[in-house]
Amino acid sequence: MTRVRLAPHLSLLAALLFAAVPASLRAQDKSLHWKSVAVEAHLDSAGVLRVRETQAMVFTGDWTGGERRFNVRTGQRFELDGLVRVDSATGRDVTMTGGDNSVVDGFDWGASRTLRWRSRLPEDPPFVNAVRTYRLEYSYSNILVPTDDSYRLDHDFAFADREGPIEAYTLKVTLDKAWRAPAGFTGEFGPLRLEPGFGFTVDIPLQYVGVGRPAGVIFGADFTSRAALAGAFAVVLLLMAARFIQRERSLGRFAPSVPTDVVNEDWLRRTVLGYRPEVVGAAWDETTGAAEVTAVLARLEQEGKLKSRVENQKIWVFSRSVLHMSLRVDRDELRDYERALVDGLFFGGRKETDTDSIRKHYSSSGFTPSSKIEGTVKQLVDSMVRDDAAAPAPSGRPTAALIIGAIALYAITGTTRSGDMPLATIGVIASAIWYLVAMLPQARLWRDRVEGAAAHSLRFFVPMAILAGAFLTIVVQGRFRAGILVLATLAVLIVAL
């Protein structure tokens, strides 16, 4: 009861004392430095680095607490085992509250592996050279990098991203008997002063003298497995490229252009001028649209069956063009689709029409002039080339099967080697973006190309080769210590793309 009653009076007393502090002292700049940071690290037999870090922080100003950013590299696993405040008066440990950074002696995680803890409430008086001591205990798995015949510990035991200096930094690294360090390595460093922006990295090779492999170190696929995967991947891509080239050649897509010495008046008359312009246009791009409709109208005007003029109308600062057309012959003189097109444009039996009238007449029903000529023009296109059966379209089933396989391998990777998931996810996203930006648009443009198809196929073959080359580099060099499953996932996905 007494303690509960005293609490408000103590708060009032603190506020009165704060008000009595000279304004010059209260207005001094914020500052933060570390009186000392003592780190004790032990590498156990499994290769897990267990660290105890004691920070003596000196606060001046309206700081609300401290923070510690941990640099966790790809593939490494980090665990916070404990965080306590060491009471300056009694020396006992004060257990801090995890998940709540709004209370004094509470802590929580922020972005980028940043641990933040509360030392003062915003309404409390600012600190004046206040020393707060905290002890952090944490561990790193997969921190050792395996090399050909040894392991390497390459780790920054300090934290360079901080506001102030560390006046006395000490580090003691001990090793389990399963590890052997180079001769002369004592594992003890400091005390030394560390300015802001400077860490303290220990980089040493280690020999493992235990039995088997250390459980806390993740190993990537061995060279034999990676070489087999790289070889199979390259062979599959080469076979696919060869099949593609053979198919396109069989369709005449890679045939050379007509030699210029062959192109003469007789050749033009036989291959081009002997056909209606709209038929030649439809044969060229395999579509019947506005260009072909315009060609029909231009031909009818050239034959004297139509007459047209364009009137420019100006409304204030804007101008618009209106096409006027006159029918100069009887409709019965028109052939096949010519009559259908003219009936649509010169609706209601009229002899005169214009684009404004046509737009108004079809405002509710819509009107597509190319639909009046499309069927017959296509028949005429078919009659001007030899009657070959259309080549079957490539099946989409292999692609679908490969994508399903990649998804299955991705899911298995997530359940068996979760440490490989960052690489798998980055690889999938990067491959998909590269496909959508560099490969797919060029392939779509190439698909309807009439001449120069062989040379222009490089526009998507080169991006494909870059993607495949980047993947093969990762596989052959064994980067990221990736397992065979994640590498197979990316291989299957790239083949599917």
Protein backbone atom coordinates (compact mmCIF):
# COMPACT_ATOMS: atom_id res chain seq x y z
CA MET A 1 0.00 0.00 0.00
CA THR A 2 2.78 2.43 0.91
CA ARG A 3 4.62 1.76 -2.32
CA VAL A 4 1.47 2.42 -4.39
CA ARG A 5 0.87 5.72 -2.62
CA LEU A 6 4.42 6.91 -2.98
CA ALA A 7 4.55 6.42 -6.74
CA PRO A 8 2.60 9.61 -7.70
CA HIS A 9 4.59 11.66 -5.17
CA LEU A 10 7.83 10.37 -6.60
CA SER A 11 6.73 11.33 -10.10
CA LEU A 12 5.82 14.81 -8.86
CA LEU A 13 9.17 15.11 -7.08
CA ALA A 14 11.01 14.10 -10.26
CA ALA A 15 9.12 16.71 -12.25
CA LEU A 16 9.92 19.43 -9.69
CA LEU A 17 13.59 18.47 -9.67
CA PHE A 18 13.64 18.57 -13.46
CA ALA A 19 12.12 22.06 -13.42
CA ALA A 20 14.89 23.16 -11.04
CA VAL A 21 17.61 22.02 -13.44
CA PRO A 22 19.16 25.05 -15.21
CA ALA A 23 17.78 25.62 -18.69
CA SER A 24 21.29 25.53 -20.15
CA LEU A 25 21.75 22.00 -18.86
CA ARG A 26 18.34 20.83 -20.07
CA ALA A 27 18.95 22.33 -23.49
CA GLN A 28 22.25 20.58 -24.06
CA ASP A 29 22.58 18.44 -27.17
CA LYS A 30 21.62 14.80 -27.20
CA SER A 31 24.54 12.46 -26.98
CA LEU A 32 25.02 8.75 -26.72
CA HIS A 33 28.14 6.71 -26.28
CA TRP A 34 29.15 3.36 -24.86
CA LYS A 35 31.31 3.30 -21.78
CA SER A 36 32.13 -0.28 -22.61
CA VAL A 37 31.02 -3.21 -24.76
CA ALA A 38 32.24 -6.64 -23.67
CA VAL A 39 31.61 -9.56 -26.02
CA GLU A 40 32.11 -13.22 -25.17
CA ALA A 41 31.61 -15.59 -28.08
CA HIS A 42 31.86 -19.37 -28.13
CA LEU A 43 31.84 -21.58 -31.23
CA ASP A 44 30.33 -24.91 -30.18
CA SER A 45 31.00 -28.33 -31.67
CA ALA A 46 28.08 -27.99 -34.12
CA GLY A 47 29.46 -24.75 -35.55
CA VAL A 48 26.88 -22.52 -33.81
CA LEU A 49 28.29 -19.21 -32.57
CA ARG A 50 26.84 -18.31 -29.17
CA VAL A 51 27.40 -14.72 -28.08
CA ARG A 52 26.99 -12.82 -24.83
CA GLU A 53 27.24 -9.06 -25.32
CA THR A 54 27.22 -6.59 -22.43
CA GLN A 55 26.68 -2.93 -23.32
CA ALA A 56 27.17 -0.05 -20.88
CA MET A 57 25.34 2.83 -22.59
CA VAL A 58 25.64 6.48 -21.51
CA PHE A 59 22.56 8.58 -22.40
CA THR A 60 22.26 12.37 -22.37
CA GLY A 61 19.09 14.02 -23.65
CA ASP A 62 15.62 12.79 -24.52
CA TRP A 63 16.62 9.32 -25.70
CA THR A 64 13.89 6.75 -25.14
CA GLY A 65 16.11 3.71 -25.41
CA GLY A 66 18.69 1.83 -27.40
CA GLU A 67 18.85 -0.36 -30.45
CA ARG A 68 21.09 -3.01 -31.93
CA ARG A 69 21.07 -3.90 -35.62
CA PHE A 70 22.23 -7.41 -36.44
CA ASN A 71 23.87 -8.17 -39.78
CA VAL A 72 22.45 -11.56 -40.71
CA ARG A 73 23.72 -12.73 -44.08
CA THR A 74 21.79 -14.81 -46.57
CA GLY A 75 21.51 -18.40 -45.34
CA GLN A 76 22.47 -17.61 -41.77
CA ARG A 77 20.05 -18.18 -38.91
CA PHE A 78 19.85 -15.83 -35.96
CA GLU A 79 18.22 -16.42 -32.59
CA LEU A 80 17.85 -13.95 -29.73
CA ASP A 81 18.25 -16.06 -26.60
CA GLY A 82 17.79 -13.32 -24.01
CA LEU A 83 17.90 -9.61 -23.17
CA VAL A 84 18.23 -8.27 -19.62
CA ARG A 85 19.06 -4.98 -17.97
CA VAL A 86 21.76 -5.14 -15.32
CA ASP A 87 20.67 -3.02 -12.36
CA SER A 88 23.43 -0.50 -11.61
CA ALA A 89 22.72 -0.44 -7.87
CA THR A 90 22.32 -4.13 -7.07
CA GLY A 91 23.97 -5.79 -10.09
CA ARG A 92 21.03 -8.13 -10.49
CA ASP A 93 19.44 -8.98 -13.84
CA VAL A 94 16.11 -7.31 -14.63
CA THR A 95 14.14 -9.44 -17.07
CA MET A 96 12.89 -7.37 -19.99
CA THR A 97 9.48 -7.74 -21.64
CA GLY A 98 9.57 -9.02 -25.20
CA GLY A 99 7.11 -7.80 -27.82
CA ASP A 100 6.27 -4.52 -26.07
CA ASN A 101 8.49 -1.53 -26.70
CA SER A 102 6.07 0.95 -25.11
CA VAL A 103 7.08 0.21 -21.51
CA VAL A 104 10.39 0.72 -19.77
CA ASP A 105 12.45 -2.47 -19.94
CA GLY A 106 10.37 -3.66 -22.91
CA PHE A 107 11.80 -4.59 -26.30
CA ASP A 108 10.62 -5.47 -29.78
CA TRP A 109 11.93 -6.01 -33.29
CA GLY A 110 11.94 -3.32 -35.96
CA ALA A 111 12.79 -3.51 -39.64
CA SER A 112 16.11 -4.86 -40.96
CA ARG A 113 16.84 -7.09 -37.95
CA THR A 114 16.86 -4.11 -35.59
CA LEU A 115 16.25 -4.83 -31.91
CA ARG A 116 14.91 -1.83 -29.96
CA TRP A 117 14.40 -1.52 -26.21
CA ARG A 118 12.83 1.10 -23.96
CA SER A 119 14.92 2.92 -21.34
CA ARG A 120 12.74 5.96 -20.68
CA LEU A 121 9.14 7.08 -21.27
CA PRO A 122 8.63 10.20 -23.42
CA GLU A 123 7.11 12.14 -20.51
CA ASP A 124 10.01 11.35 -18.16
CA PRO A 125 12.86 13.85 -17.60
CA PRO A 126 15.67 13.58 -20.16
CA PHE A 127 18.79 11.64 -19.28
CA VAL A 128 21.89 13.37 -17.99
CA ASN A 129 24.95 11.11 -18.35
CA ALA A 130 22.76 8.19 -17.32
CA VAL A 131 24.44 4.78 -17.54
CA ARG A 132 22.26 1.83 -18.50
CA THR A 133 23.77 -1.64 -18.84
CA TYR A 134 22.19 -4.35 -21.00
CA ARG A 135 23.22 -7.90 -21.69
CA LEU A 136 22.19 -9.55 -24.95
CA GLU A 137 22.54 -13.26 -25.61
CA TYR A 138 22.10 -14.56 -29.12
CA SER A 139 23.36 -17.21 -31.51
CA TYR A 140 24.21 -17.62 -35.19
CA SER A 141 23.84 -20.88 -37.10
CA ASN A 142 25.44 -21.44 -40.51
CA ILE A 143 27.87 -18.65 -39.79
CA LEU A 144 30.87 -20.70 -40.93
CA VAL A 145 31.66 -20.82 -44.63
CA PRO A 146 32.98 -24.24 -45.72
CA THR A 147 35.92 -24.18 -48.14
CA ASP A 148 37.72 -27.01 -49.89
CA ASP A 149 39.54 -28.33 -46.82
CA SER A 150 38.53 -26.04 -43.95
CA TYR A 151 35.96 -23.57 -42.63
CA ARG A 152 36.13 -19.81 -42.34
CA LEU A 153 34.75 -17.61 -39.58
CA ASP A 154 34.27 -14.13 -41.02
CA HIS A 155 32.08 -12.12 -38.66
CA ASP A 156 31.72 -8.55 -37.39
CA PHE A 157 31.33 -8.87 -33.63
CA ALA A 158 30.59 -5.16 -33.14
CA PHE A 159 27.85 -3.01 -34.66
CA ALA A 160 29.09 -0.22 -36.90
CA ASP A 161 25.67 1.43 -37.29
CA ARG A 162 25.52 3.40 -34.03
CA GLU A 163 25.28 7.00 -32.84
CA GLY A 164 28.38 7.32 -30.69
CA PRO A 165 31.77 5.76 -29.95
CA ILE A 166 32.59 2.75 -27.83
CA GLU A 167 35.23 3.82 -25.32
CA ALA A 168 36.36 0.30 -24.39
CA TYR A 169 35.57 -2.65 -26.64
CA THR A 170 36.70 -6.13 -25.65
CA LEU A 171 36.16 -9.45 -27.39
CA LYS A 172 36.89 -12.97 -26.27
CA VAL A 173 36.35 -15.83 -28.74
CA THR A 174 36.57 -19.41 -27.48
CA LEU A 175 36.37 -22.60 -29.53
CA ASP A 176 35.05 -26.04 -28.76
CA LYS A 177 37.67 -28.78 -28.87
CA ALA A 178 36.18 -29.91 -32.19
CA TRP A 179 37.71 -26.81 -33.79
CA ARG A 180 41.35 -25.98 -34.33
CA ALA A 181 42.46 -22.37 -34.91
CA PRO A 182 45.71 -21.20 -36.54
CA ALA A 183 48.79 -21.10 -34.36
CA GLY A 184 49.02 -17.93 -32.31
CA PHE A 185 45.29 -17.27 -32.20
CA THR A 186 44.36 -16.33 -28.62
CA GLY A 187 40.81 -15.18 -29.27
CA GLU A 188 41.22 -12.13 -27.01
CA PHE A 189 41.06 -8.58 -28.35
CA GLY A 190 40.99 -5.13 -26.74
CA PRO A 191 40.24 -3.05 -24.90
CA LEU A 192 40.16 -0.56 -27.75
CA ARG A 193 38.12 2.49 -28.80
CA LEU A 194 35.71 2.14 -31.73
CA GLU A 195 34.41 5.25 -33.45
CA PRO A 196 30.92 5.33 -35.01
CA GLY A 197 30.82 3.51 -38.32
CA PHE A 198 33.53 1.03 -37.33
CA GLY A 199 32.92 -2.58 -36.42
CA PHE A 200 35.30 -5.32 -35.36
CA THR A 201 35.62 -8.25 -37.74
CA VAL A 202 37.40 -11.51 -37.00
CA ASP A 203 38.35 -13.49 -40.09
CA ILE A 204 40.13 -16.78 -39.43
CA PRO A 205 40.30 -20.26 -41.02
CA LEU A 206 39.35 -23.19 -38.82
CA GLN A 207 39.90 -26.92 -39.04
CA TYR A 208 37.15 -29.29 -37.94
CA VAL A 209 38.61 -32.24 -36.03
CA GLY A 210 35.29 -33.67 -34.87
CA VAL A 211 33.42 -36.65 -36.30
CA GLY A 212 31.46 -36.22 -39.53
CA ARG A 213 30.23 -32.74 -40.38
CA PRO A 214 29.23 -29.94 -37.98
CA ALA A 215 25.43 -29.85 -37.71
CA GLY A 216 25.27 -26.05 -37.50
CA VAL A 217 26.80 -25.54 -40.94
CA ILE A 218 24.70 -25.75 -44.08
CA PHE A 219 26.47 -27.31 -47.04
CA GLY A 220 25.51 -26.72 -50.63
CA ALA A 221 25.27 -29.37 -53.30
CA ASP A 222 28.56 -31.12 -54.00
CA PHE A 223 30.47 -30.44 -57.20
CA THR A 224 29.49 -33.72 -58.85
CA SER A 225 25.76 -33.02 -58.40
CA ARG A 226 26.13 -29.44 -59.57
CA ALA A 227 28.14 -30.46 -62.63
CA ALA A 228 25.54 -33.08 -63.55
CA LEU A 229 22.72 -30.56 -63.23
CA ALA A 230 24.60 -27.93 -65.24
CA GLY A 231 25.35 -30.45 -67.99
CA ALA A 232 21.75 -31.68 -68.19
CA PHE A 233 20.46 -28.10 -68.22
CA ALA A 234 22.80 -27.08 -71.05
CA VAL A 235 21.99 -30.18 -73.12
CA VAL A 236 18.23 -29.64 -72.76
CA LEU A 237 18.50 -26.01 -73.85
CA LEU A 238 20.68 -26.91 -76.85
CA LEU A 239 18.22 -29.62 -77.92
CA MET A 240 15.33 -27.18 -77.60
CA ALA A 241 17.19 -24.60 -79.69
CA ALA A 242 18.01 -27.19 -82.35
CA ARG A 243 14.40 -28.35 -82.48
CA PHE A 244 13.21 -24.77 -82.79
CA ILE A 245 15.59 -24.00 -85.66
CA GLN A 246 14.66 -27.23 -87.49
CA ARG A 247 10.94 -26.48 -87.22
CA GLU A 248 11.27 -22.90 -88.43
CA ARG A 249 13.42 -23.99 -91.36
CA SER A 250 10.85 -26.60 -92.35
CA LEU A 251 8.22 -23.85 -92.45
CA GLY A 252 10.41 -21.63 -94.64
CA ARG A 253 10.79 -19.02 -91.92
CA PHE A 254 14.57 -19.02 -92.24
CA ALA A 255 14.58 -18.96 -96.05
CA PRO A 256 16.74 -16.16 -97.51
CA SER A 257 15.11 -13.07 -98.99
CA VAL A 258 14.46 -12.92 -102.74
CA PRO A 259 17.68 -11.86 -104.52
CA THR A 260 17.49 -8.33 -105.91
CA ASP A 261 18.49 -9.44 -109.43
CA VAL A 262 15.33 -11.57 -109.58
CA VAL A 263 13.02 -8.67 -108.80
CA ASN A 264 12.02 -7.18 -112.15
CA GLU A 265 8.83 -5.99 -113.82
CA ASP A 266 7.73 -9.48 -114.81
CA TRP A 267 8.36 -10.82 -111.28
CA LEU A 268 6.38 -7.93 -109.72
CA ARG A 269 3.50 -8.49 -112.14
CA ARG A 270 3.35 -12.21 -111.31
CA THR A 271 3.83 -12.00 -107.53
CA VAL A 272 2.36 -8.64 -106.54
CA LEU A 273 0.69 -6.52 -109.20
CA GLY A 274 -1.47 -9.36 -110.48
CA TYR A 275 -3.47 -9.31 -107.22
CA ARG A 276 -5.74 -6.76 -105.64
CA PRO A 277 -3.89 -4.54 -103.18
CA GLU A 278 -6.14 -5.53 -100.28
CA VAL A 279 -5.37 -9.20 -100.94
CA VAL A 280 -1.62 -8.54 -101.00
CA GLY A 281 -1.90 -6.60 -97.74
CA ALA A 282 -3.87 -9.38 -96.05
CA ALA A 283 -1.36 -11.96 -97.28
CA TRP A 284 1.54 -9.93 -95.88
CA ASP A 285 0.39 -9.56 -92.27
CA GLU A 286 -2.28 -12.31 -92.22
CA THR A 287 -4.92 -9.85 -91.00
CA THR A 288 -7.76 -7.93 -92.60
CA GLY A 289 -8.28 -4.54 -91.05
CA ALA A 290 -8.43 -0.81 -91.69
CA ALA A 291 -5.47 -0.89 -94.10
CA GLU A 292 -7.22 -3.42 -96.34
CA VAL A 293 -10.51 -1.42 -96.27
CA THR A 294 -8.58 1.68 -97.29
CA ALA A 295 -6.97 -0.28 -100.12
CA VAL A 296 -10.42 -1.34 -101.45
CA LEU A 297 -11.72 2.23 -101.41
CA ALA A 298 -8.56 3.57 -103.07
CA ARG A 299 -8.81 0.94 -105.82
CA LEU A 300 -12.51 1.68 -106.42
CA GLU A 301 -11.68 5.38 -106.74
CA GLN A 302 -8.85 4.60 -109.13
CA GLU A 303 -11.29 2.56 -111.22
CA GLY A 304 -13.71 5.51 -111.30
CA LYS A 305 -16.37 3.80 -109.22
CA LEU A 306 -15.98 6.14 -106.26
CA LYS A 307 -15.01 9.74 -105.79
CA SER A 308 -13.87 11.23 -102.51
CA ARG A 309 -12.82 14.50 -101.01
CA VAL A 310 -11.76 15.68 -97.59
CA GLU A 311 -13.17 18.79 -95.94
CA ASN A 312 -11.36 20.41 -93.04
CA GLN A 313 -13.67 22.02 -90.50
CA LYS A 314 -12.36 24.45 -87.91
CA ILE A 315 -14.17 25.01 -84.64
CA TRP A 316 -12.51 27.74 -82.60
CA VAL A 317 -8.89 26.55 -82.20
CA PHE A 318 -9.71 22.94 -83.08
CA SER A 319 -9.90 21.42 -86.53
CA ARG A 320 -11.29 18.14 -87.83
CA SER A 321 -11.42 16.34 -91.17
CA VAL A 322 -14.55 14.84 -92.75
CA LEU A 323 -14.30 12.39 -95.62
CA HIS A 324 -17.05 12.71 -98.25
CA MET A 325 -17.60 9.92 -100.80
CA SER A 326 -19.80 9.66 -103.92
CA LEU A 327 -20.85 6.43 -105.61
CA ARG A 328 -20.32 6.85 -109.39
CA VAL A 329 -21.64 3.47 -110.68
CA ASP A 330 -24.64 1.24 -110.19
CA ARG A 331 -24.22 -1.09 -107.22
CA ASP A 332 -24.85 -4.13 -109.38
CA GLU A 333 -21.55 -3.49 -111.16
CA LEU A 334 -19.59 -4.10 -107.99
CA ARG A 335 -17.94 -7.48 -107.28
CA ASP A 336 -18.28 -9.77 -104.26
CA TYR A 337 -17.15 -7.93 -101.13
CA GLU A 338 -17.03 -4.57 -102.92
CA ARG A 339 -20.86 -4.53 -102.93
CA ALA A 340 -21.04 -5.51 -99.25
CA LEU A 341 -18.63 -2.74 -98.25
CA VAL A 342 -20.39 -0.09 -100.35
CA ASP A 343 -23.82 -1.11 -99.01
CA GLY A 344 -22.49 -0.65 -95.51
CA LEU A 345 -20.99 2.76 -96.22
CA PHE A 346 -23.73 4.03 -98.53
CA PHE A 347 -26.58 2.77 -96.34
CA GLY A 348 -30.22 3.24 -97.26
CA GLY A 349 -29.54 3.19 -101.03
CA ARG A 350 -27.88 6.61 -100.97
CA LYS A 351 -25.27 7.78 -103.44
CA GLU A 352 -23.51 10.22 -101.14
CA THR A 353 -22.06 9.57 -97.70
CA ASP A 354 -19.51 10.93 -95.25
CA THR A 355 -17.79 9.85 -92.07
CA ASP A 356 -20.09 11.95 -89.85
CA SER A 357 -23.21 10.31 -91.34
CA ILE A 358 -21.71 6.83 -91.00
CA ARG A 359 -20.74 7.46 -87.39
CA LYS A 360 -24.18 8.74 -86.50
CA HIS A 361 -26.03 5.93 -88.33
CA TYR A 362 -24.11 3.17 -86.56
CA SER A 363 -23.78 4.88 -83.18
CA SER A 364 -25.99 2.34 -81.44
CA SER A 365 -25.27 -0.85 -83.41
CA GLY A 366 -21.60 -0.38 -84.23
CA PHE A 367 -19.94 -0.90 -87.59
CA THR A 368 -16.73 -2.71 -88.52
CA PRO A 369 -16.01 -2.19 -92.25
CA SER A 370 -13.33 -4.89 -92.33
CA SER A 371 -15.95 -7.52 -91.45
CA LYS A 372 -17.61 -6.87 -94.84
CA ILE A 373 -14.52 -7.97 -96.76
CA GLU A 374 -12.70 -10.34 -94.42
CA GLY A 375 -14.17 -13.69 -95.52
CA THR A 376 -13.72 -13.29 -99.27
CA VAL A 377 -10.30 -11.64 -98.95
CA LYS A 378 -9.09 -14.60 -96.89
CA GLN A 379 -10.28 -16.98 -99.63
CA LEU A 380 -8.36 -14.98 -102.21
CA VAL A 381 -5.25 -15.05 -99.99
CA ASP A 382 -5.52 -18.82 -99.70
CA SER A 383 -5.78 -19.14 -103.47
CA MET A 384 -2.58 -17.21 -104.14
CA VAL A 385 -0.31 -19.62 -102.22
CA ARG A 386 0.18 -23.34 -102.56
CA ASP A 387 -2.32 -25.49 -100.69
CA ASP A 388 -0.10 -26.64 -97.80
CA ALA A 389 -1.52 -27.96 -94.59
CA ALA A 390 -1.07 -25.54 -91.73
CA ALA A 391 1.76 -26.43 -89.40
CA PRO A 392 0.47 -27.62 -86.03
CA ALA A 393 0.94 -25.13 -83.24
CA PRO A 394 3.49 -26.16 -80.59
CA SER A 395 1.82 -27.84 -77.64
CA GLY A 396 1.60 -25.96 -74.36
CA ARG A 397 1.62 -29.17 -72.31
CA PRO A 398 5.41 -29.40 -71.82
CA THR A 399 5.50 -25.83 -70.53
CA ALA A 400 2.60 -26.48 -68.15
CA ALA A 401 4.25 -29.66 -66.88
CA LEU A 402 7.56 -27.87 -66.30
CA ILE A 403 5.91 -25.03 -64.38
CA ILE A 404 4.01 -27.51 -62.21
CA GLY A 405 7.29 -29.33 -61.60
CA ALA A 406 9.05 -26.08 -60.63
CA ILE A 407 6.24 -25.24 -58.19
CA ALA A 408 6.48 -28.70 -56.62
CA LEU A 409 10.27 -28.43 -56.24
CA TYR A 410 9.88 -24.94 -54.74
CA ALA A 411 7.44 -26.30 -52.15
CA ILE A 412 9.72 -29.24 -51.29
CA THR A 413 12.64 -26.83 -50.90
CA GLY A 414 10.60 -24.80 -48.42
CA THR A 415 9.92 -27.83 -46.25
CA THR A 416 13.33 -29.53 -46.41
CA ARG A 417 15.81 -26.63 -46.70
CA SER A 418 14.14 -23.43 -45.59
CA GLY A 419 17.50 -21.65 -45.64
CA ASP A 420 17.47 -21.90 -49.44
CA MET A 421 14.11 -20.13 -49.77
CA PRO A 422 15.55 -16.60 -50.10
CA LEU A 423 17.66 -17.73 -53.07
CA ALA A 424 14.72 -19.66 -54.54
CA THR A 425 12.37 -16.70 -54.21
CA ILE A 426 14.85 -14.18 -55.59
CA GLY A 427 15.69 -16.52 -58.47
CA VAL A 428 12.03 -17.08 -59.37
CA ILE A 429 11.18 -13.36 -59.26
CA ALA A 430 14.30 -12.32 -61.19
CA SER A 431 13.73 -14.97 -63.88
CA ALA A 432 10.07 -14.00 -64.27
CA ILE A 433 10.90 -10.29 -64.55
CA TRP A 434 13.66 -10.97 -67.09
CA TYR A 435 11.24 -13.13 -69.08
CA LEU A 436 8.50 -10.48 -69.10
CA VAL A 437 10.82 -7.56 -69.87
CA ALA A 438 13.53 -8.96 -72.14
CA MET A 439 12.33 -12.22 -73.67
CA LEU A 440 8.55 -12.26 -74.13
CA PRO A 441 8.13 -8.88 -75.92
CA GLN A 442 10.88 -9.72 -78.42
CA ALA A 443 9.45 -13.18 -79.06
CA ARG A 444 6.00 -11.68 -79.73
CA LEU A 445 7.45 -9.16 -82.18
CA TRP A 446 9.42 -11.91 -83.90
CA ARG A 447 6.47 -14.28 -84.22
CA ASP A 448 4.80 -12.33 -87.05
CA ARG A 449 8.01 -11.32 -88.78
CA VAL A 450 8.01 -12.08 -92.53
CA GLU A 451 11.66 -11.62 -93.48
CA GLY A 452 14.97 -11.68 -91.66
CA ALA A 453 13.53 -14.09 -89.10
CA ALA A 454 16.78 -15.97 -88.56
CA ALA A 455 18.81 -12.88 -87.65
CA HIS A 456 16.04 -11.29 -85.62
CA SER A 457 15.59 -14.43 -83.51
CA LEU A 458 18.75 -13.28 -81.71
CA ARG A 459 16.61 -10.57 -80.11
CA PHE A 460 15.17 -13.20 -77.76
CA PHE A 461 17.93 -15.82 -78.03
CA VAL A 462 20.47 -13.41 -76.51
CA PRO A 463 18.33 -12.60 -73.41
CA MET A 464 17.68 -16.33 -73.04
CA ALA A 465 21.42 -17.02 -73.20
CA ILE A 466 22.12 -14.32 -70.58
CA LEU A 467 19.59 -15.84 -68.17
CA ALA A 468 20.91 -19.35 -68.75
CA GLY A 469 24.52 -18.17 -68.40
CA ALA A 470 23.83 -16.42 -65.09
CA PHE A 471 22.22 -19.59 -63.74
CA LEU A 472 25.07 -21.82 -64.94
CA THR A 473 27.59 -19.49 -63.27
CA ILE A 474 25.81 -19.87 -59.93
CA VAL A 475 25.63 -23.65 -60.33
CA VAL A 476 29.22 -24.25 -61.45
CA GLN A 477 30.80 -21.90 -58.90
CA GLY A 478 28.64 -23.24 -56.06
CA ARG A 479 27.67 -19.81 -54.81
CA PHE A 480 25.27 -19.27 -51.90
CA ARG A 481 25.82 -22.86 -50.72
CA ALA A 482 22.58 -23.76 -52.44
CA GLY A 483 21.16 -27.26 -52.21
CA ILE A 484 20.46 -29.35 -55.27
CA LEU A 485 16.68 -28.93 -54.87
CA VAL A 486 16.69 -25.15 -55.18
CA LEU A 487 19.06 -25.36 -58.14
CA ALA A 488 16.78 -27.90 -59.80
CA THR A 489 13.81 -25.61 -59.13
CA LEU A 490 15.43 -22.74 -61.00
CA ALA A 491 16.66 -25.02 -63.79
CA VAL A 492 13.17 -26.38 -64.47
CA LEU A 493 11.66 -22.89 -64.31
CA ILE A 494 14.16 -21.46 -66.81
CA VAL A 495 13.56 -24.35 -69.20
CA ALA A 496 9.83 -23.67 -68.91
CA LEU A 497 10.32 -19.98 -69.71
